[in-house]
């Protein structure tokens, strides 16, 4: 996960460095160089990044759905109050 994104798992942090520095990832407070990882480890990291993106998207959709539901509840309550008058 890139530092600029909200962290969903505090045990994993990815740091993107300048061209002259190495790409590092911190897992459980230990830094690892991504270039030194096995292909399987890099694949796991890619899955984690993709899942973080999907979780963020799902949360965004959930927020929209909750706001929409609240708006319809409010509209229904206002409509019912008007018919009582």
PDB file of N, CA and C in Angstrom:
ATOM      1  N   UNK A   1       0.856  -1.161   0.000  1.00  0.00           N
ATOM      2  CA  UNK A   1       0.000   0.000   0.000  1.00  0.00           C
ATOM      3  C   UNK A   1       0.900   1.221   0.000  1.00  0.00           C
ATOM      4  N   UNK A   2       0.600   2.165  -0.816  1.00  0.00           N
ATOM      5  CA  UNK A   2       1.378   3.385  -0.872  1.00  0.00           C
ATOM      6  C   UNK A   2       1.049   4.262   0.315  1.00  0.00           C
ATOM      7  N   UNK A   3       2.027   5.037   0.772  1.00  0.00           N
ATOM      8  CA  UNK A   3       1.810   5.864   1.953  1.00  0.00           C
ATOM      9  C   UNK A   3       0.736   6.911   1.728  1.00  0.00           C
ATOM     10  N   UNK A   4       0.537   7.349   0.478  1.00  0.00           N
ATOM     11  CA  UNK A   4      -0.445   8.395   0.224  1.00  0.00           C
ATOM     12  C   UNK A   4      -1.876   7.892   0.363  1.00  0.00           C
ATOM     13  N   UNK A   5      -2.060   6.570   0.383  1.00  0.00           N
ATOM     14  CA  UNK A   5      -3.386   5.993   0.532  1.00  0.00           C
ATOM     15  C   UNK A   5      -3.668   5.741   2.008  1.00  0.00           C
ATOM     16  N   UNK A   6      -4.956   5.771   2.382  1.00  0.00           N
ATOM     17  CA  UNK A   6      -5.268   5.450   3.776  1.00  0.00           C
ATOM     18  C   UNK A   6      -4.885   4.007   4.064  1.00  0.00           C
ATOM     19  N   UNK A   7      -4.326   3.780   5.225  1.00  0.00           N
ATOM     20  CA  UNK A   7      -3.876   2.441   5.561  1.00  0.00           C
ATOM     21  C   UNK A   7      -5.003   1.653   6.202  1.00  0.00           C
ATOM     22  N   UNK A   8      -5.257   0.457   5.678  1.00  0.00           N
ATOM     23  CA  UNK A   8      -6.260  -0.425   6.251  1.00  0.00           C
ATOM     24  C   UNK A   8      -5.609  -1.472   7.140  1.00  0.00           C
ATOM     25  N   UNK A   9      -4.311  -1.669   6.957  1.00  0.00           N
ATOM     26  CA  UNK A   9      -3.583  -2.642   7.744  1.00  0.00           C
ATOM     27  C   UNK A   9      -2.289  -1.990   8.194  1.00  0.00           C
ATOM     28  N   UNK A  10      -2.190  -1.663   9.455  1.00  0.00           N
ATOM     29  CA  UNK A  10      -1.022  -0.937   9.950  1.00  0.00           C
ATOM     30  C   UNK A  10       0.229  -1.800   9.988  1.00  0.00           C
ATOM     31  N   UNK A  11       0.104  -3.101   9.731  1.00  0.00           N
ATOM     32  CA  UNK A  11       1.273  -3.969   9.725  1.00  0.00           C
ATOM     33  C   UNK A  11       2.009  -3.953   8.394  1.00  0.00           C
ATOM     34  N   UNK A  12       1.480  -3.250   7.393  1.00  0.00           N
ATOM     35  CA  UNK A  12       2.076  -3.247   6.064  1.00  0.00           C
ATOM     36  C   UNK A  12       2.127  -1.838   5.522  1.00  0.00           C
ATOM     37  N   UNK A  13       3.319  -1.370   5.197  1.00  0.00           N
ATOM     38  CA  UNK A  13       3.493  -0.047   4.599  1.00  0.00           C
ATOM     39  C   UNK A  13       4.488  -0.165   3.465  1.00  0.00           C
ATOM     40  N   UNK A  14       4.146   0.427   2.323  1.00  0.00           N
ATOM     41  CA  UNK A  14       5.050   0.419   1.183  1.00  0.00           C
ATOM     42  C   UNK A  14       5.560   1.835   0.972  1.00  0.00           C
ATOM     43  N   UNK A  15       6.838   1.960   0.779  1.00  0.00           N
ATOM     44  CA  UNK A  15       7.444   3.267   0.562  1.00  0.00           C
ATOM     45  C   UNK A  15       8.033   3.298  -0.833  1.00  0.00           C
ATOM     46  N   UNK A  16       7.610   4.266  -1.643  1.00  0.00           N
ATOM     47  CA  UNK A  16       8.179   4.428  -2.966  1.00  0.00           C
ATOM     48  C   UNK A  16       9.246   5.509  -2.869  1.00  0.00           C
ATOM     49  N   UNK A  17      10.457   5.144  -3.183  1.00  0.00           N
ATOM     50  CA  UNK A  17      11.593   6.043  -3.041  1.00  0.00           C
ATOM     51  C   UNK A  17      11.951   6.647  -4.397  1.00  0.00           C
ATOM     52  N   UNK A  18      12.885   7.578  -4.393  1.00  0.00           N
ATOM     53  CA  UNK A  18      13.360   8.169  -5.641  1.00  0.00           C
ATOM     54  C   UNK A  18      14.119   7.130  -6.456  1.00  0.00           C
ATOM     55  N   UNK A  19      14.491   7.482  -7.683  1.00  0.00           N
ATOM     56  CA  UNK A  19      15.167   6.545  -8.576  1.00  0.00           C
ATOM     57  C   UNK A  19      16.443   5.981  -7.966  1.00  0.00           C
ATOM     58  N   UNK A  20      17.167   6.780  -7.210  1.00  0.00           N
ATOM     59  CA  UNK A  20      18.442   6.350  -6.648  1.00  0.00           C
ATOM     60  C   UNK A  20      18.291   5.521  -5.382  1.00  0.00           C
ATOM     61  N   UNK A  21      17.092   5.468  -4.828  1.00  0.00           N
ATOM     62  CA  UNK A  21      16.866   4.709  -3.609  1.00  0.00           C
ATOM     63  C   UNK A  21      16.055   3.460  -3.937  1.00  0.00           C
ATOM     64  N   UNK A  22      15.980   2.553  -2.997  1.00  0.00           N
ATOM     65  CA  UNK A  22      15.294   1.287  -3.215  1.00  0.00           C
ATOM     66  C   UNK A  22      13.833   1.387  -2.765  1.00  0.00           C
ATOM     67  N   UNK A  23      12.985   0.551  -3.391  1.00  0.00           N
ATOM     68  CA  UNK A  23      11.591   0.442  -2.962  1.00  0.00           C
ATOM     69  C   UNK A  23      11.544  -0.461  -1.739  1.00  0.00           C
ATOM     70  N   UNK A  24      11.033   0.090  -0.658  1.00  0.00           N
ATOM     71  CA  UNK A  24      10.989  -0.647   0.601  1.00  0.00           C
ATOM     72  C   UNK A  24       9.553  -0.864   1.027  1.00  0.00           C
ATOM     73  N   UNK A  25       9.345  -1.936   1.746  1.00  0.00           N
ATOM     74  CA  UNK A  25       8.047  -2.211   2.350  1.00  0.00           C
ATOM     75  C   UNK A  25       8.299  -2.561   3.810  1.00  0.00           C
ATOM     76  N   UNK A  26       7.428  -2.086   4.680  1.00  0.00           N
ATOM     77  CA  UNK A  26       7.545  -2.376   6.103  1.00  0.00           C
ATOM     78  C   UNK A  26       6.430  -3.333   6.494  1.00  0.00           C
ATOM     79  N   UNK A  27       6.807  -4.472   7.027  1.00  0.00           N
ATOM     80  CA  UNK A  27       5.852  -5.470   7.505  1.00  0.00           C
ATOM     81  C   UNK A  27       6.210  -5.772   8.949  1.00  0.00           C
ATOM     82  N   UNK A  28       5.261  -5.529   9.845  1.00  0.00           N
ATOM     83  CA  UNK A  28       5.492  -5.760  11.277  1.00  0.00           C
ATOM     84  C   UNK A  28       6.771  -5.073  11.751  1.00  0.00           C
ATOM     85  N   UNK A  29       6.905  -3.802  11.353  1.00  0.00           N
ATOM     86  CA  UNK A  29       8.017  -2.938  11.770  1.00  0.00           C
ATOM     87  C   UNK A  29       9.390  -3.369  11.249  1.00  0.00           C
ATOM     88  N   UNK A  30       9.434  -4.219  10.233  1.00  0.00           N
ATOM     89  CA  UNK A  30      10.693  -4.627   9.610  1.00  0.00           C
ATOM     90  C   UNK A  30      10.640  -4.199   8.151  1.00  0.00           C
ATOM     91  N   UNK A  31      11.704  -3.501   7.686  1.00  0.00           N
ATOM     92  CA  UNK A  31      11.755  -3.046   6.303  1.00  0.00           C
ATOM     93  C   UNK A  31      12.332  -4.131   5.396  1.00  0.00           C
ATOM     94  N   UNK A  32      11.695  -4.294   4.224  1.00  0.00           N
ATOM     95  CA  UNK A  32      12.148  -5.243   3.226  1.00  0.00           C
ATOM     96  C   UNK A  32      12.269  -4.526   1.888  1.00  0.00           C
ATOM     97  N   UNK A  33      13.269  -4.884   1.098  1.00  0.00           N
ATOM     98  CA  UNK A  33      13.425  -4.356  -0.245  1.00  0.00           C
ATOM     99  C   UNK A  33      12.563  -5.191  -1.185  1.00  0.00           C
ATOM    100  N   UNK A  34      11.652  -4.551  -1.886  1.00  0.00           N
ATOM    101  CA  UNK A  34      10.738  -5.265  -2.777  1.00  0.00           C
ATOM    102  C   UNK A  34      11.522  -6.011  -3.853  1.00  0.00           C
ATOM    103  N   UNK A  35      12.610  -5.417  -4.315  1.00  0.00           N
ATOM    104  CA  UNK A  35      13.409  -6.062  -5.364  1.00  0.00           C
ATOM    105  C   UNK A  35      14.017  -7.383  -4.900  1.00  0.00           C
ATOM    106  N   UNK A  36      14.178  -7.559  -3.602  1.00  0.00           N
ATOM    107  CA  UNK A  36      14.758  -8.795  -3.061  1.00  0.00           C
ATOM    108  C   UNK A  36      13.702  -9.876  -2.807  1.00  0.00           C
ATOM    109  N   UNK A  37      12.445  -9.553  -2.996  1.00  0.00           N
ATOM    110  CA  UNK A  37      11.376 -10.514  -2.739  1.00  0.00           C
ATOM    111  C   UNK A  37      11.302 -11.558  -3.858  1.00  0.00           C
ATOM    112  N   UNK A  38      10.779 -12.722  -3.493  1.00  0.00           N
ATOM    113  CA  UNK A  38      10.540 -13.756  -4.499  1.00  0.00           C
ATOM    114  C   UNK A  38       9.339 -13.355  -5.351  1.00  0.00           C
ATOM    115  N   UNK A  39       9.181 -14.036  -6.468  1.00  0.00           N
ATOM    116  CA  UNK A  39       8.021 -13.753  -7.318  1.00  0.00           C
ATOM    117  C   UNK A  39       6.716 -14.012  -6.559  1.00  0.00           C
ATOM    118  N   UNK A  40       6.699 -15.052  -5.750  1.00  0.00           N
ATOM    119  CA  UNK A  40       5.493 -15.355  -4.968  1.00  0.00           C
ATOM    120  C   UNK A  40       5.191 -14.236  -3.970  1.00  0.00           C
ATOM    121  N   UNK A  41       6.225 -13.688  -3.335  1.00  0.00           N
ATOM    122  CA  UNK A  41       6.035 -12.588  -2.378  1.00  0.00           C
ATOM    123  C   UNK A  41       5.553 -11.330  -3.092  1.00  0.00           C
ATOM    124  N   UNK A  42       6.101 -11.055  -4.265  1.00  0.00           N
ATOM    125  CA  UNK A  42       5.645  -9.903  -5.046  1.00  0.00           C
ATOM    126  C   UNK A  42       4.192 -10.075  -5.464  1.00  0.00           C
ATOM    127  N   UNK A  43       3.809 -11.311  -5.803  1.00  0.00           N
ATOM    128  CA  UNK A  43       2.418 -11.582  -6.160  1.00  0.00           C
ATOM    129  C   UNK A  43       1.502 -11.342  -4.963  1.00  0.00           C
ATOM    130  N   UNK A  44       1.917 -11.777  -3.781  1.00  0.00           N
ATOM    131  CA  UNK A  44       1.125 -11.530  -2.570  1.00  0.00           C
ATOM    132  C   UNK A  44       0.968 -10.034  -2.334  1.00  0.00           C
ATOM    133  N   UNK A  45       2.047  -9.272  -2.522  1.00  0.00           N
ATOM    134  CA  UNK A  45       1.999  -7.824  -2.362  1.00  0.00           C
ATOM    135  C   UNK A  45       1.033  -7.206  -3.368  1.00  0.00           C
ATOM    136  N   UNK A  46       1.058  -7.684  -4.598  1.00  0.00           N
ATOM    137  CA  UNK A  46       0.118  -7.189  -5.611  1.00  0.00           C
ATOM    138  C   UNK A  46      -1.322  -7.495  -5.222  1.00  0.00           C
ATOM    139  N   UNK A  47      -1.560  -8.687  -4.676  1.00  0.00           N
ATOM    140  CA  UNK A  47      -2.914  -9.028  -4.202  1.00  0.00           C
ATOM    141  C   UNK A  47      -3.344  -8.092  -3.078  1.00  0.00           C
ATOM    142  N   UNK A  48      -2.448  -7.826  -2.146  1.00  0.00           N
ATOM    143  CA  UNK A  48      -2.759  -6.927  -1.027  1.00  0.00           C
ATOM    144  C   UNK A  48      -3.107  -5.539  -1.545  1.00  0.00           C
ATOM    145  N   UNK A  49      -2.305  -5.020  -2.470  1.00  0.00           N
ATOM    146  CA  UNK A  49      -2.576  -3.694  -3.032  1.00  0.00           C
ATOM    147  C   UNK A  49      -3.912  -3.665  -3.768  1.00  0.00           C
ATOM    148  N   UNK A  50      -4.207  -4.720  -4.531  1.00  0.00           N
ATOM    149  CA  UNK A  50      -5.472  -4.781  -5.262  1.00  0.00           C
ATOM    150  C   UNK A  50      -6.650  -4.886  -4.299  1.00  0.00           C
ATOM    151  N   UNK A  51      -6.504  -5.673  -3.252  1.00  0.00           N
ATOM    152  CA  UNK A  51      -7.572  -5.798  -2.255  1.00  0.00           C
ATOM    153  C   UNK A  51      -7.797  -4.488  -1.514  1.00  0.00           C
ATOM    154  N   UNK A  52      -6.726  -3.761  -1.204  1.00  0.00           N
ATOM    155  CA  UNK A  52      -6.866  -2.443  -0.570  1.00  0.00           C
ATOM    156  C   UNK A  52      -7.649  -1.505  -1.480  1.00  0.00           C
ATOM    157  N   UNK A  53      -7.352  -1.547  -2.782  1.00  0.00           N
ATOM    158  CA  UNK A  53      -8.070  -0.707  -3.739  1.00  0.00           C
ATOM    159  C   UNK A  53      -9.547  -1.095  -3.783  1.00  0.00           C
ATOM    160  N   UNK A  54      -9.826  -2.390  -3.807  1.00  0.00           N
ATOM    161  CA  UNK A  54     -11.208  -2.872  -3.847  1.00  0.00           C
ATOM    162  C   UNK A  54     -11.955  -2.523  -2.559  1.00  0.00           C
ATOM    163  N   UNK A  55     -11.280  -2.644  -1.422  1.00  0.00           N
ATOM    164  CA  UNK A  55     -11.911  -2.268  -0.157  1.00  0.00           C
ATOM    165  C   UNK A  55     -12.252  -0.784  -0.131  1.00  0.00           C
ATOM    166  N   UNK A  56     -11.353   0.043  -0.641  1.00  0.00           N
ATOM    167  CA  UNK A  56     -11.623   1.480  -0.719  1.00  0.00           C
ATOM    168  C   UNK A  56     -12.805   1.777  -1.613  1.00  0.00           C
ATOM    169  N   UNK A  57     -12.878   1.085  -2.739  1.00  0.00           N
ATOM    170  CA  UNK A  57     -13.999   1.264  -3.663  1.00  0.00           C
ATOM    171  C   UNK A  57     -15.309   0.794  -3.030  1.00  0.00           C
ATOM    172  N   UNK A  58     -15.256  -0.333  -2.353  1.00  0.00           N
ATOM    173  CA  UNK A  58     -16.455  -0.847  -1.684  1.00  0.00           C
ATOM    174  C   UNK A  58     -16.931   0.110  -0.596  1.00  0.00           C
ATOM    175  N   UNK A  59     -15.990   0.688   0.163  1.00  0.00           N
ATOM    176  CA  UNK A  59     -16.354   1.654   1.203  1.00  0.00           C
ATOM    177  C   UNK A  59     -16.989   2.887   0.586  1.00  0.00           C
ATOM    178  N   UNK A  60     -16.450   3.347  -0.547  1.00  0.00           N
ATOM    179  CA  UNK A  60     -17.007   4.492  -1.270  1.00  0.00           C
ATOM    180  C   UNK A  60     -18.452   4.196  -1.684  1.00  0.00           C
ATOM    181  N   UNK A  61     -18.676   2.994  -2.233  1.00  0.00           N
ATOM    182  CA  UNK A  61     -20.031   2.603  -2.641  1.00  0.00           C
ATOM    183  C   UNK A  61     -20.957   2.493  -1.443  1.00  0.00           C
ATOM    184  N   UNK A  62     -20.467   1.953  -0.346  1.00  0.00           N
ATOM    185  CA  UNK A  62     -21.273   1.829   0.867  1.00  0.00           C
ATOM    186  C   UNK A  62     -21.668   3.205   1.390  1.00  0.00           C
ATOM    187  N   UNK A  63     -20.741   4.155   1.357  1.00  0.00           N
ATOM    188  CA  UNK A  63     -21.052   5.522   1.778  1.00  0.00           C
ATOM    189  C   UNK A  63     -22.160   6.116   0.914  1.00  0.00           C
ATOM    190  N   UNK A  64     -22.065   5.920  -0.406  1.00  0.00           N
ATOM    191  CA  UNK A  64     -23.103   6.425  -1.312  1.00  0.00           C
ATOM    192  C   UNK A  64     -24.450   5.788  -1.007  1.00  0.00           C
ATOM    193  N   UNK A  65     -24.462   4.491  -0.804  1.00  0.00           N
ATOM    194  CA  UNK A  65     -25.713   3.789  -0.520  1.00  0.00           C
ATOM    195  C   UNK A  65     -26.336   4.266   0.787  1.00  0.00           C
ATOM    196  N   UNK A  66     -25.521   4.456   1.816  1.00  0.00           N
ATOM    197  CA  UNK A  66     -26.044   4.927   3.100  1.00  0.00           C
ATOM    198  C   UNK A  66     -26.626   6.329   2.995  1.00  0.00           C
ATOM    199  N   UNK A  67     -25.940   7.223   2.260  1.00  0.00           N
ATOM    200  CA  UNK A  67     -26.453   8.587   2.088  1.00  0.00           C
ATOM    201  C   UNK A  67     -27.763   8.549   1.298  1.00  0.00           C
ATOM    202  N   UNK A  68     -27.800   7.737   0.244  1.00  0.00           N
ATOM    203  CA  UNK A  68     -29.027   7.610  -0.545  1.00  0.00           C
ATOM    204  C   UNK A  68     -30.185   7.070   0.280  1.00  0.00           C
ATOM    205  N   UNK A  69     -29.928   6.048   1.079  1.00  0.00           N
ATOM    206  CA  UNK A  69     -30.971   5.475   1.932  1.00  0.00           C
ATOM    207  C   UNK A  69     -31.483   6.509   2.925  1.00  0.00           C
ATOM    208  N   UNK A  70     -30.546   7.233   3.554  1.00  0.00           N
ATOM    209  CA  UNK A  70     -30.938   8.263   4.512  1.00  0.00           C
ATOM    210  C   UNK A  70     -31.799   9.340   3.852  1.00  0.00           C
ATOM    211  N   UNK A  71     -31.462   9.698   2.611  1.00  0.00           N
ATOM    212  CA  UNK A  71     -32.246  10.708   1.893  1.00  0.00           C
ATOM    213  C   UNK A  71     -33.659  10.207   1.638  1.00  0.00           C
ATOM    214  N   UNK A  72     -33.810   8.940   1.256  1.00  0.00           N
ATOM    215  CA  UNK A  72     -35.149   8.406   1.017  1.00  0.00           C
ATOM    216  C   UNK A  72     -35.949   8.269   2.309  1.00  0.00           C
ATOM    217  N   UNK A  73     -35.307   7.912   3.402  1.00  0.00           N
ATOM    218  CA  UNK A  73     -35.997   7.853   4.696  1.00  0.00           C
ATOM    219  C   UNK A  73     -36.500   9.243   5.069  1.00  0.00           C
ATOM    220  N   UNK A  74     -35.659  10.255   4.871  1.00  0.00           N
ATOM    221  CA  UNK A  74     -36.047  11.630   5.171  1.00  0.00           C
ATOM    222  C   UNK A  74     -37.208  12.068   4.284  1.00  0.00           C
ATOM    223  N   UNK A  75     -37.118  11.757   2.985  1.00  0.00           N
ATOM    224  CA  UNK A  75     -38.202  12.133   2.059  1.00  0.00           C
ATOM    225  C   UNK A  75     -39.511  11.452   2.440  1.00  0.00           C
ATOM    226  N   UNK A  76     -39.452  10.174   2.825  1.00  0.00           N
ATOM    227  CA  UNK A  76     -40.658   9.456   3.236  1.00  0.00           C
ATOM    228  C   UNK A  76     -41.247  10.078   4.490  1.00  0.00           C
ATOM    229  N   UNK A  77     -40.412  10.371   5.479  1.00  0.00           N
ATOM    230  CA  UNK A  77     -40.901  10.958   6.726  1.00  0.00           C
ATOM    231  C   UNK A  77     -41.558  12.311   6.461  1.00  0.00           C
ATOM    232  N   UNK A  78     -40.932  13.150   5.607  1.00  0.00           N
ATOM    233  CA  UNK A  78     -41.515  14.446   5.269  1.00  0.00           C
ATOM    234  C   UNK A  78     -42.834  14.284   4.539  1.00  0.00           C
ATOM    235  N   UNK A  79     -42.919  13.304   3.653  1.00  0.00           N
ATOM    236  CA  UNK A  79     -44.148  13.063   2.906  1.00  0.00           C
ATOM    237  C   UNK A  79     -45.266  12.614   3.840  1.00  0.00           C
ATOM    238  N   UNK A  80     -44.935  11.736   4.784  1.00  0.00           N
ATOM    239  CA  UNK A  80     -45.935  11.271   5.732  1.00  0.00           C
ATOM    240  C   UNK A  80     -46.406  12.395   6.641  1.00  0.00           C
ATOM    241  N   UNK A  81     -45.508  13.294   7.029  1.00  0.00           N
ATOM    242  CA  UNK A  81     -45.882  14.430   7.878  1.00  0.00           C
ATOM    243  C   UNK A  81     -46.827  15.358   7.127  1.00  0.00           C
ATOM    244  N   UNK A  82     -46.612  15.547   5.836  1.00  0.00           N
ATOM    245  CA  UNK A  82     -47.470  16.434   5.042  1.00  0.00           C
ATOM    246  C   UNK A  82     -48.877  15.869   4.908  1.00  0.00           C
ATOM    247  N   UNK A  83     -49.018  14.555   4.815  1.00  0.00           N
ATOM    248  CA  UNK A  83     -50.350  13.969   4.686  1.00  0.00           C
ATOM    249  C   UNK A  83     -51.117  14.030   5.986  1.00  0.00           C
ATOM    250  N   UNK A  84     -50.421  14.164   7.119  1.00  0.00           N
ATOM    251  CA  UNK A  84     -51.091  14.267   8.411  1.00  0.00           C
ATOM    252  C   UNK A  84     -51.680  15.646   8.621  1.00  0.00           C
ATOM    253  N   UNK A  85     -51.114  16.653   7.932  1.00  0.00           N
ATOM    254  CA  UNK A  85     -51.595  18.035   8.138  1.00  0.00           C
ATOM    255  C   UNK A  85     -52.941  18.292   7.558  1.00  0.00           C
TER     256      UNK A  85
END
